[in-house]
Protein backbone atom coordinates (compact mmCIF):
# COMPACT_ATOMS: atom_id res chain seq x y z
CA MET A 1 -85.97 -52.35 135.52
CA SER A 2 -85.82 -48.89 134.01
CA THR A 3 -88.26 -48.09 131.23
CA GLY A 4 -85.83 -45.85 129.37
CA ALA A 5 -88.67 -43.33 129.23
CA ASP A 6 -89.15 -39.96 130.89
CA CYS A 7 -92.80 -40.73 131.51
CA VAL A 8 -95.16 -43.70 131.50
CA VAL A 9 -98.80 -43.10 130.59
CA VAL A 10 -101.11 -45.80 131.95
CA GLY A 11 -104.16 -46.21 129.71
CA ALA A 12 -104.46 -46.22 125.91
CA GLY A 13 -107.99 -44.89 125.58
CA ILE A 14 -108.55 -41.55 123.91
CA VAL A 15 -107.43 -39.59 126.99
CA GLY A 16 -104.22 -41.57 127.50
CA CYS A 17 -103.33 -41.60 123.81
CA CYS A 18 -103.78 -37.83 123.54
CA ILE A 19 -101.64 -37.27 126.62
CA ALA A 20 -98.87 -39.53 125.32
CA PHE A 21 -98.95 -37.73 121.98
CA ARG A 22 -98.77 -34.24 123.53
CA LEU A 23 -95.99 -35.19 125.96
CA GLN A 24 -94.02 -36.63 123.08
CA GLN A 25 -94.48 -33.38 121.16
CA ALA A 26 -93.08 -31.60 124.22
CA GLY A 27 -89.85 -33.57 123.82
CA LEU A 28 -90.37 -36.37 126.35
CA ARG A 29 -89.65 -40.04 125.81
CA VAL A 30 -92.99 -41.69 126.54
CA LEU A 31 -94.06 -45.28 127.16
CA LEU A 32 -97.80 -45.96 126.78
CA LEU A 33 -99.14 -48.97 128.70
CA ASP A 34 -102.53 -50.66 128.44
CA ARG A 35 -103.79 -54.03 129.59
CA SER A 36 -105.92 -54.65 126.48
CA GLY A 37 -104.74 -52.35 123.70
CA VAL A 38 -105.59 -49.06 122.04
CA ALA A 39 -109.27 -48.04 122.33
CA ALA A 40 -110.15 -51.40 123.87
CA GLU A 41 -112.71 -50.06 126.34
CA ALA A 42 -114.90 -46.91 126.44
CA SER A 43 -113.06 -45.29 123.54
CA ARG A 44 -114.05 -48.13 121.21
CA GLY A 45 -117.82 -47.73 121.09
CA ASN A 46 -118.92 -44.37 122.48
CA ALA A 47 -121.27 -42.00 120.67
CA GLY A 48 -118.47 -40.04 119.00
CA ALA A 49 -119.72 -36.65 120.23
CA CYS A 50 -117.76 -33.55 121.20
CA ALA A 51 -120.46 -32.27 123.53
CA TYR A 52 -119.10 -28.83 124.39
CA SER A 53 -122.51 -27.60 125.58
CA ASP A 54 -122.85 -30.44 128.11
CA ILE A 55 -121.74 -28.37 131.11
CA LEU A 56 -124.48 -29.32 133.59
CA PRO A 57 -123.36 -31.94 136.13
CA LEU A 58 -125.27 -35.18 136.40
CA ALA A 59 -125.66 -34.50 140.14
CA SER A 60 -128.31 -31.79 140.29
CA PRO A 61 -131.64 -31.12 142.04
CA GLY A 62 -133.50 -32.05 138.86
CA ILE A 63 -131.83 -35.47 138.60
CA ILE A 64 -132.42 -36.13 142.30
CA ARG A 65 -136.14 -35.49 141.76
CA GLN A 66 -136.34 -37.78 138.73
CA ALA A 67 -134.08 -40.57 140.02
CA PRO A 68 -136.72 -42.48 142.08
CA ARG A 69 -139.04 -42.75 139.05
CA TRP A 70 -136.18 -43.81 136.77
CA LEU A 71 -134.91 -46.41 139.23
CA LEU A 72 -138.31 -48.14 139.27
CA ASP A 73 -137.72 -49.07 135.62
CA PRO A 74 -134.88 -51.64 135.37
CA LEU A 75 -134.42 -50.66 131.70
CA GLY A 76 -134.83 -46.91 132.23
CA PRO A 77 -132.31 -44.03 131.91
CA LEU A 78 -130.81 -44.74 135.36
CA SER A 79 -130.41 -48.18 136.88
CA ILE A 80 -128.64 -49.70 139.87
CA PRO A 81 -128.65 -53.51 140.13
CA PRO A 82 -129.95 -54.34 143.66
CA ALA A 83 -126.94 -56.51 144.45
CA TYR A 84 -124.62 -53.56 143.78
CA LEU A 85 -126.48 -51.08 145.99
CA PRO A 86 -124.53 -51.77 149.24
CA HIS A 87 -121.25 -51.17 147.42
CA ILE A 88 -122.32 -47.93 145.74
CA THR A 89 -124.09 -46.32 148.72
CA PRO A 90 -121.06 -44.17 149.77
CA TRP A 91 -120.78 -42.87 146.17
CA LEU A 92 -124.50 -42.08 146.12
CA TRP A 93 -124.06 -40.10 149.34
CA ARG A 94 -121.34 -38.00 147.69
CA PHE A 95 -123.53 -37.67 144.60
CA TRP A 96 -126.37 -36.32 146.73
CA ARG A 97 -124.01 -33.81 148.38
CA ALA A 98 -122.73 -32.72 144.97
CA SER A 99 -126.34 -31.98 143.93
CA GLN A 100 -126.64 -29.09 146.40
CA ARG A 101 -127.21 -25.86 144.49
CA GLN A 102 -123.99 -24.12 145.53
CA ARG A 103 -121.90 -27.15 144.54
CA VAL A 104 -123.78 -27.53 141.26
CA ALA A 105 -122.99 -23.91 140.39
CA ALA A 106 -119.29 -24.43 141.17
CA SER A 107 -119.12 -27.66 139.14
CA THR A 108 -120.91 -26.03 136.22
CA HIS A 109 -118.51 -23.08 136.22
CA ALA A 110 -115.48 -25.42 136.20
CA GLN A 111 -116.99 -27.67 133.54
CA ALA A 112 -117.78 -24.69 131.31
CA ALA A 113 -114.14 -23.57 131.51
CA LEU A 114 -112.91 -27.04 130.53
CA MET A 115 -115.40 -27.16 127.65
CA ARG A 116 -114.22 -23.83 126.29
CA LEU A 117 -110.68 -25.17 126.22
CA ALA A 118 -111.91 -28.46 124.73
CA SER A 119 -113.61 -26.68 121.83
CA GLN A 120 -110.24 -25.13 120.93
CA ALA A 121 -108.05 -28.15 121.71
CA MET A 122 -109.94 -30.76 119.68
CA PRO A 123 -109.45 -29.03 116.30
CA ARG A 124 -105.76 -28.58 117.18
CA LEU A 125 -105.45 -32.30 117.91
CA MET A 126 -107.24 -33.30 114.71
CA HIS A 127 -104.91 -31.07 112.69
CA ASP A 128 -101.77 -32.38 114.37
CA VAL A 129 -102.66 -36.05 113.79
CA GLY A 130 -103.93 -35.40 110.26
CA ALA A 131 -107.53 -36.31 111.00
CA GLN A 132 -109.32 -33.07 110.12
CA ASP A 133 -111.61 -34.97 107.78
CA GLN A 134 -112.94 -37.03 110.70
CA LEU A 135 -114.31 -34.01 112.61
CA HIS A 136 -117.74 -32.62 111.70
CA THR A 137 -119.51 -29.52 112.97
CA ASP A 138 -123.11 -30.27 112.11
CA GLY A 139 -124.63 -29.54 115.51
CA ASN A 140 -126.97 -31.42 117.81
CA LEU A 141 -130.73 -31.53 118.27
CA HIS A 142 -132.09 -31.84 121.82
CA LEU A 143 -135.66 -33.11 121.48
CA TYR A 144 -138.71 -33.02 123.77
CA GLU A 145 -141.96 -34.98 123.57
CA SER A 146 -144.12 -32.85 125.88
CA GLU A 147 -144.59 -29.20 126.76
CA ALA A 148 -143.80 -29.96 130.39
CA GLU A 149 -140.49 -31.66 129.51
CA TRP A 150 -139.59 -28.72 127.28
CA ARG A 151 -140.34 -26.11 129.96
CA ASN A 152 -138.45 -28.06 132.62
CA SER A 153 -135.37 -27.88 130.40
CA LEU A 154 -135.40 -24.09 130.04
CA PRO A 155 -133.48 -23.23 133.26
CA GLY A 156 -130.64 -25.47 132.05
CA TRP A 157 -130.56 -23.68 128.71
CA GLN A 158 -130.43 -20.36 130.52
CA VAL A 159 -127.38 -21.58 132.43
CA ARG A 160 -125.75 -22.49 129.13
CA ALA A 161 -126.60 -19.05 127.72
CA ASP A 162 -125.02 -17.45 130.78
CA HIS A 163 -121.79 -19.31 129.91
CA GLY A 164 -121.81 -18.12 126.31
CA ILE A 165 -123.11 -21.28 124.64
CA ALA A 166 -125.02 -20.62 121.42
CA PHE A 167 -128.28 -22.41 120.65
CA GLU A 168 -131.61 -21.94 118.90
CA HIS A 169 -135.01 -22.85 120.36
CA LEU A 170 -137.26 -24.83 118.00
CA PRO A 171 -140.88 -24.36 119.11
CA ASP A 172 -142.66 -26.97 116.96
CA ALA A 173 -142.35 -30.08 114.80
CA GLN A 174 -141.98 -28.05 111.62
CA SER A 175 -138.90 -26.20 112.88
CA ILE A 176 -137.43 -29.51 114.08
CA ALA A 177 -137.96 -31.06 110.65
CA HIS A 178 -135.86 -28.30 109.07
CA TRP A 179 -132.79 -29.72 110.87
CA GLN A 180 -133.79 -33.40 110.78
CA PRO A 181 -136.59 -34.74 108.59
CA GLY A 182 -138.30 -38.02 109.34
CA LEU A 183 -138.86 -37.64 113.08
CA SER A 184 -142.07 -38.37 114.95
CA ARG A 185 -144.64 -35.58 114.90
CA GLY A 186 -145.08 -36.27 118.60
CA LEU A 187 -141.91 -34.29 119.32
CA VAL A 188 -143.26 -30.88 120.33
CA ALA A 189 -140.08 -28.81 120.74
CA GLY A 190 -136.31 -28.89 120.44
CA VAL A 191 -133.07 -26.99 120.75
CA PHE A 192 -130.42 -26.85 118.05
CA VAL A 193 -126.81 -26.45 119.26
CA PRO A 194 -124.70 -25.45 116.24
CA ASP A 195 -121.20 -25.81 117.74
CA TRP A 196 -121.61 -29.43 118.83
CA GLN A 197 -119.11 -31.60 116.94
CA ARG A 198 -118.75 -35.31 116.25
CA VAL A 199 -116.13 -37.67 114.88
CA ASP A 200 -116.65 -40.36 112.26
CA ASP A 201 -115.56 -43.18 114.55
CA PRO A 202 -114.08 -42.79 118.08
CA GLN A 203 -112.15 -46.05 117.81
CA ARG A 204 -110.55 -45.04 114.52
CA LEU A 205 -109.62 -41.62 115.88
CA THR A 206 -107.98 -43.11 118.99
CA GLU A 207 -106.04 -45.53 116.81
CA ARG A 208 -104.94 -42.62 114.60
CA VAL A 209 -103.53 -40.72 117.58
CA ALA A 210 -101.70 -43.86 118.77
CA GLU A 211 -100.31 -44.49 115.29
CA ARG A 212 -98.89 -40.96 115.11
CA PHE A 213 -97.40 -41.40 118.58
CA VAL A 214 -95.68 -44.66 117.63
CA ALA A 215 -94.56 -43.38 114.23
CA ALA A 216 -92.75 -40.51 115.97
CA GLY A 217 -90.82 -42.90 118.23
CA GLY A 218 -93.27 -43.49 121.06
CA ARG A 219 -93.50 -46.94 122.62
CA LEU A 220 -96.73 -48.88 123.16
CA GLN A 221 -96.74 -51.94 125.41
CA LEU A 222 -99.53 -54.34 126.40
CA SER A 223 -99.19 -54.76 130.16
CA GLN A 224 -101.59 -54.59 133.07
CA VAL A 225 -100.40 -52.33 135.89
CA MET A 226 -101.29 -53.95 139.20
CA GLY A 227 -99.64 -51.53 141.62
CA LEU A 228 -97.97 -48.15 141.91
CA GLN A 229 -95.31 -46.90 144.34
CA SER A 230 -93.93 -43.39 144.43
CA THR A 231 -90.80 -42.49 146.38
CA GLY A 232 -89.22 -39.10 145.86
CA GLU A 233 -88.50 -38.53 142.20
CA ARG A 234 -89.07 -42.12 141.05
CA VAL A 235 -92.18 -44.22 140.46
CA THR A 236 -92.34 -48.03 140.36
CA LEU A 237 -95.08 -49.84 138.47
CA GLN A 238 -95.85 -53.46 139.32
CA LEU A 239 -96.98 -55.35 136.21
CA ALA A 240 -99.24 -58.40 136.11
CA GLU A 241 -96.49 -60.52 134.57
CA GLY A 242 -94.34 -59.89 137.65
CA ALA A 243 -91.97 -57.27 136.28
CA ALA A 244 -91.41 -53.90 137.96
CA LEU A 245 -90.82 -50.77 135.89
CA ARG A 246 -89.15 -47.63 137.24
CA THR A 247 -89.57 -44.23 135.69
CA ARG A 248 -89.37 -40.52 136.52
CA HIS A 249 -93.05 -39.83 136.12
CA VAL A 250 -96.37 -41.62 135.64
CA VAL A 251 -99.66 -40.31 134.29
CA VAL A 252 -102.66 -42.35 135.41
CA ALA A 253 -105.26 -42.19 132.61
CA ALA A 254 -106.73 -45.68 132.97
CA GLY A 255 -110.38 -44.68 132.84
CA ALA A 256 -112.70 -46.76 135.00
CA TRP A 257 -109.74 -48.65 136.52
CA SER A 258 -107.81 -45.53 137.60
CA HIS A 259 -109.03 -45.49 141.20
CA GLN A 260 -107.38 -48.86 141.79
CA LEU A 261 -103.97 -47.28 141.13
CA ALA A 262 -104.80 -44.12 143.08
CA ARG A 263 -105.60 -46.32 146.06
CA CYS A 264 -102.01 -47.60 145.97
CA LEU A 265 -100.91 -44.05 146.80
CA GLY A 266 -103.41 -43.71 149.64
CA HIS A 267 -106.03 -41.78 147.67
CA PRO A 268 -109.58 -43.19 148.00
CA ILE A 269 -110.94 -41.50 144.88
CA PRO A 270 -114.72 -42.23 144.67
CA LEU A 271 -114.76 -43.29 141.04
CA GLU A 272 -117.70 -45.39 139.89
CA THR A 273 -118.61 -47.00 136.61
CA GLU A 274 -121.40 -45.70 134.38
CA ARG A 275 -122.04 -48.74 132.24
CA GLY A 276 -123.26 -47.32 128.93
CA TYR A 277 -125.01 -49.39 126.25
CA ASN A 278 -125.54 -48.88 122.55
CA THR A 279 -126.32 -50.59 119.27
CA THR A 280 -124.57 -49.73 116.01
CA LEU A 281 -126.80 -50.16 112.97
CA PRO A 282 -125.38 -50.65 109.46
CA PRO A 283 -125.36 -48.01 106.69
CA GLY A 284 -128.82 -47.19 105.41
CA ALA A 285 -130.54 -47.53 108.77
CA PHE A 286 -131.73 -43.91 108.72
CA ALA A 287 -130.90 -40.70 106.85
CA LEU A 288 -129.43 -39.05 109.94
CA ARG A 289 -127.97 -35.56 109.45
CA ARG A 290 -126.63 -34.92 112.96
CA GLN A 291 -126.67 -36.26 116.49
CA LEU A 292 -130.03 -36.31 118.30
CA THR A 293 -130.39 -36.18 122.09
CA PHE A 294 -133.46 -37.42 123.93
CA GLY A 295 -132.69 -36.16 127.43
CA GLY A 296 -135.95 -37.33 128.96
CA HIS A 297 -135.07 -40.90 128.03
CA GLY A 298 -131.30 -40.65 128.46
CA PHE A 299 -130.13 -41.67 125.00
CA VAL A 300 -128.67 -40.29 121.78
CA VAL A 301 -128.78 -41.25 118.12
CA THR A 302 -125.67 -40.38 116.14
CA PRO A 303 -124.15 -40.91 112.68
CA ILE A 304 -121.17 -43.20 113.17
CA ALA A 305 -118.80 -45.05 110.81
CA GLY A 306 -121.29 -44.83 107.96
CA GLY A 307 -124.13 -46.20 110.08
CA VAL A 308 -126.23 -45.13 113.06
CA ARG A 309 -125.40 -45.63 116.75
CA VAL A 310 -128.20 -45.62 119.34
CA GLY A 311 -127.06 -45.55 122.93
CA GLY A 312 -126.75 -43.93 126.31
CA ALA A 313 -128.42 -44.37 129.70
CA VAL A 314 -126.58 -44.97 132.99
CA GLU A 315 -126.25 -48.29 134.77
CA LEU A 316 -124.25 -47.95 137.98
CA GLY A 317 -123.16 -51.55 138.23
CA GLY A 318 -119.39 -51.73 138.61
CA LEU A 319 -116.75 -53.49 136.54
CA LEU A 320 -117.50 -57.15 137.19
CA ALA A 321 -121.16 -57.82 136.34
CA ALA A 322 -121.99 -59.26 132.93
CA PRO A 323 -123.54 -56.86 130.40
CA ASN A 324 -127.33 -56.63 130.36
CA TYR A 325 -127.94 -56.13 126.65
CA ARG A 326 -131.67 -55.81 127.22
CA ARG A 327 -130.80 -52.21 128.04
CA ALA A 328 -129.33 -51.73 124.56
CA GLN A 329 -132.48 -53.22 123.04
CA ALA A 330 -134.68 -50.95 125.16
CA LEU A 331 -132.85 -47.89 123.80
CA LEU A 332 -133.26 -49.18 120.26
CA ASP A 333 -137.00 -49.67 120.81
CA LYS A 334 -137.32 -46.10 122.09
CA ALA A 335 -135.39 -44.75 119.11
CA ARG A 336 -137.76 -46.54 116.72
CA ARG A 337 -140.62 -44.71 118.42
CA PHE A 338 -139.15 -41.30 117.66
CA LEU A 339 -137.58 -42.24 114.30
CA PRO A 340 -140.42 -44.18 112.64
CA GLY A 341 -138.34 -45.02 109.57
CA LEU A 342 -135.38 -46.45 111.52
CA LYS A 343 -134.29 -49.87 110.26
CA ASN A 344 -133.18 -51.64 113.42
CA GLU A 345 -132.05 -54.94 111.89
CA GLY A 346 -128.46 -56.12 111.81
CA GLY A 347 -127.26 -54.06 114.76
CA THR A 348 -124.23 -54.79 116.95
CA PRO A 349 -124.78 -54.24 120.71
CA TRP A 350 -121.99 -52.95 122.96
CA MET A 351 -121.36 -51.98 126.56
CA GLY A 352 -118.59 -49.69 127.84
CA PHE A 353 -117.36 -48.47 131.22
CA ARG A 354 -117.51 -44.71 131.72
CA PRO A 355 -115.37 -43.54 134.70
CA SER A 356 -117.70 -41.34 136.78
CA LEU A 357 -117.04 -39.08 139.77
CA PRO A 358 -119.87 -37.73 141.96
CA ASP A 359 -119.52 -34.09 140.87
CA SER A 360 -119.11 -34.92 137.13
CA LEU A 361 -115.65 -33.28 137.04
CA PRO A 362 -112.56 -35.30 136.10
CA VAL A 363 -109.45 -35.45 138.25
CA ILE A 364 -106.64 -33.63 136.45
CA GLY A 365 -103.39 -32.65 138.15
CA PRO A 366 -100.61 -33.86 140.44
CA ALA A 367 -101.38 -36.70 142.84
CA PRO A 368 -101.41 -35.14 146.34
CA GLY A 369 -98.13 -35.84 148.10
CA HIS A 370 -96.67 -37.60 145.05
CA PRO A 371 -95.30 -35.02 142.60
CA ALA A 372 -93.99 -37.72 140.26
CA VAL A 373 -97.54 -38.95 139.56
CA THR A 374 -100.20 -37.06 137.58
CA TYR A 375 -103.88 -37.96 137.50
CA ALA A 376 -106.04 -37.60 134.38
CA PHE A 377 -109.23 -39.64 134.71
CA GLY A 378 -112.90 -39.59 135.65
CA HIS A 379 -114.36 -37.85 132.59
CA GLY A 380 -117.62 -39.82 132.71
CA HIS A 381 -119.38 -39.72 129.33
CA LEU A 382 -117.20 -36.77 128.24
CA GLY A 383 -113.88 -38.53 127.69
CA LEU A 384 -113.75 -37.95 123.94
CA THR A 385 -114.99 -34.36 124.33
CA GLN A 386 -112.33 -33.44 126.89
CA ALA A 387 -109.41 -35.66 125.86
CA ALA A 388 -107.51 -33.09 123.80
CA ALA A 389 -107.98 -30.39 126.45
CA THR A 390 -106.85 -32.75 129.22
CA ALA A 391 -103.75 -33.64 127.19
CA GLU A 392 -102.82 -29.97 126.75
CA LEU A 393 -103.30 -29.32 130.49
CA VAL A 394 -101.14 -32.30 131.45
CA ALA A 395 -98.45 -31.27 128.95
CA GLY A 396 -98.52 -27.81 130.52
CA LEU A 397 -97.79 -29.34 133.91
CA PHE A 398 -94.65 -30.86 132.38
CA GLY A 399 -93.48 -27.46 131.19
CA ALA A 400 -94.54 -27.81 127.58
CA GLU A 401 -95.10 -24.69 125.53
CA THR A 402 -98.80 -23.94 125.87
CA THR A 403 -101.51 -21.59 124.69
CA ALA A 404 -102.57 -18.65 126.83
CA GLU A 405 -105.79 -20.53 127.67
CA VAL A 406 -103.85 -23.51 129.06
CA ALA A 407 -101.34 -21.33 130.91
CA GLY A 408 -104.12 -19.43 132.69
CA PHE A 409 -106.38 -22.41 133.36
CA ASP A 410 -107.45 -22.97 136.99
CA LEU A 411 -106.99 -26.65 137.83
CA LYS A 412 -108.04 -26.36 141.49
CA PRO A 413 -111.63 -27.58 140.89
CA PHE A 414 -110.21 -30.70 139.23
CA SER A 415 -107.70 -31.56 141.95
CA ALA A 416 -107.85 -34.93 143.67
CA ARG A 417 -107.64 -33.01 146.95
CA ARG A 418 -111.39 -32.40 146.80
CA PHE A 419 -111.77 -36.10 147.66
CA THR A 420 -108.67 -36.68 149.80
CA ALA A 421 -108.98 -33.64 152.13
CA PRO A 422 -110.48 -34.48 155.56
CA ALA A 423 -113.25 -31.89 155.11
CA GLU A 424 -114.76 -33.86 152.22
CA GLY A 425 -116.08 -36.61 154.44
CA ALA A 426 -117.33 -34.30 157.16
């Protein structure tokens, strides 16, 4: 049956909700579909950061050097359950290829461009949905516990400087304490990034965007999309309940499940799942002024919803395995080491699926060979950061009035063709 909509957006996480909202503003009739509801997955419990300075891809020579040591620790910053290793080996091969220096430079350049747009698009989104009070620019502290760790980070900071990112080196514990009192004196150096932003609560923000979308006439429907067919100017969506919906255009923004729909169109997008863990502590857990990043241990501590959220790390374990909440507890134990006054009682653990591609760049743009389908997924741990920018780029593809930055944006590095072209597997 016909949806009565000009476009169907599949996925009601922060990326999908922002896209639906922007397409609606452009004058389209939009239907938003999700199998579980608004902010039901990664958008519910992430760290709430707008990490505009996070331009370095996960695949890099430095990560490749550290990965063997991390993998020996089942509760460390990077983990792959042994039973999942045969399945993920092809992705790891692509990840290794993406870590070559020339490819890292290209990915960094593309990511920096998207982050520049994101830093402009997020405040526009917050204004348009009336959520300006939820966005805070209080910066981020990257913290180091040894001189060697600090010095190893400097090339990455130089890359950020080359891309115009502002930051301040903090050479000792005293300078760190100026920005965040109460930390361990064992932290020997840090970097303060002033333009890093955060939101009060990522779930609440996503719900706010969806509410504005529905209030303006948008439609939200709980349905699981099982299949996708595109013929000419029409797209058919097969729903779990047996119905088939036909529409003029579909945007696939289903996060960690998006590759299943892309496969229906013959596109083997190598999307994997970074299973991220955290624990949200109640108000009063710590007098936290801003988000803290402990890169050597792969976790962050952030003010969230009146409390404190401790989380991060990467578990490449797919969509089906049960959560291993020992990983959340391990992060909490590490945080207590660096924040001696942290009250870690009464916390709520959580696990979410981050949709990750080998080169750390999302797929944004038309589905190759299927002009009635647009892809917008694979943002990894940067979905909240890049959601507003992705929405403006997708709206631009539909002919919406755009800013000069959107109109001149180069989407080639984000095309799905980088994975579907024959040369990729050579």
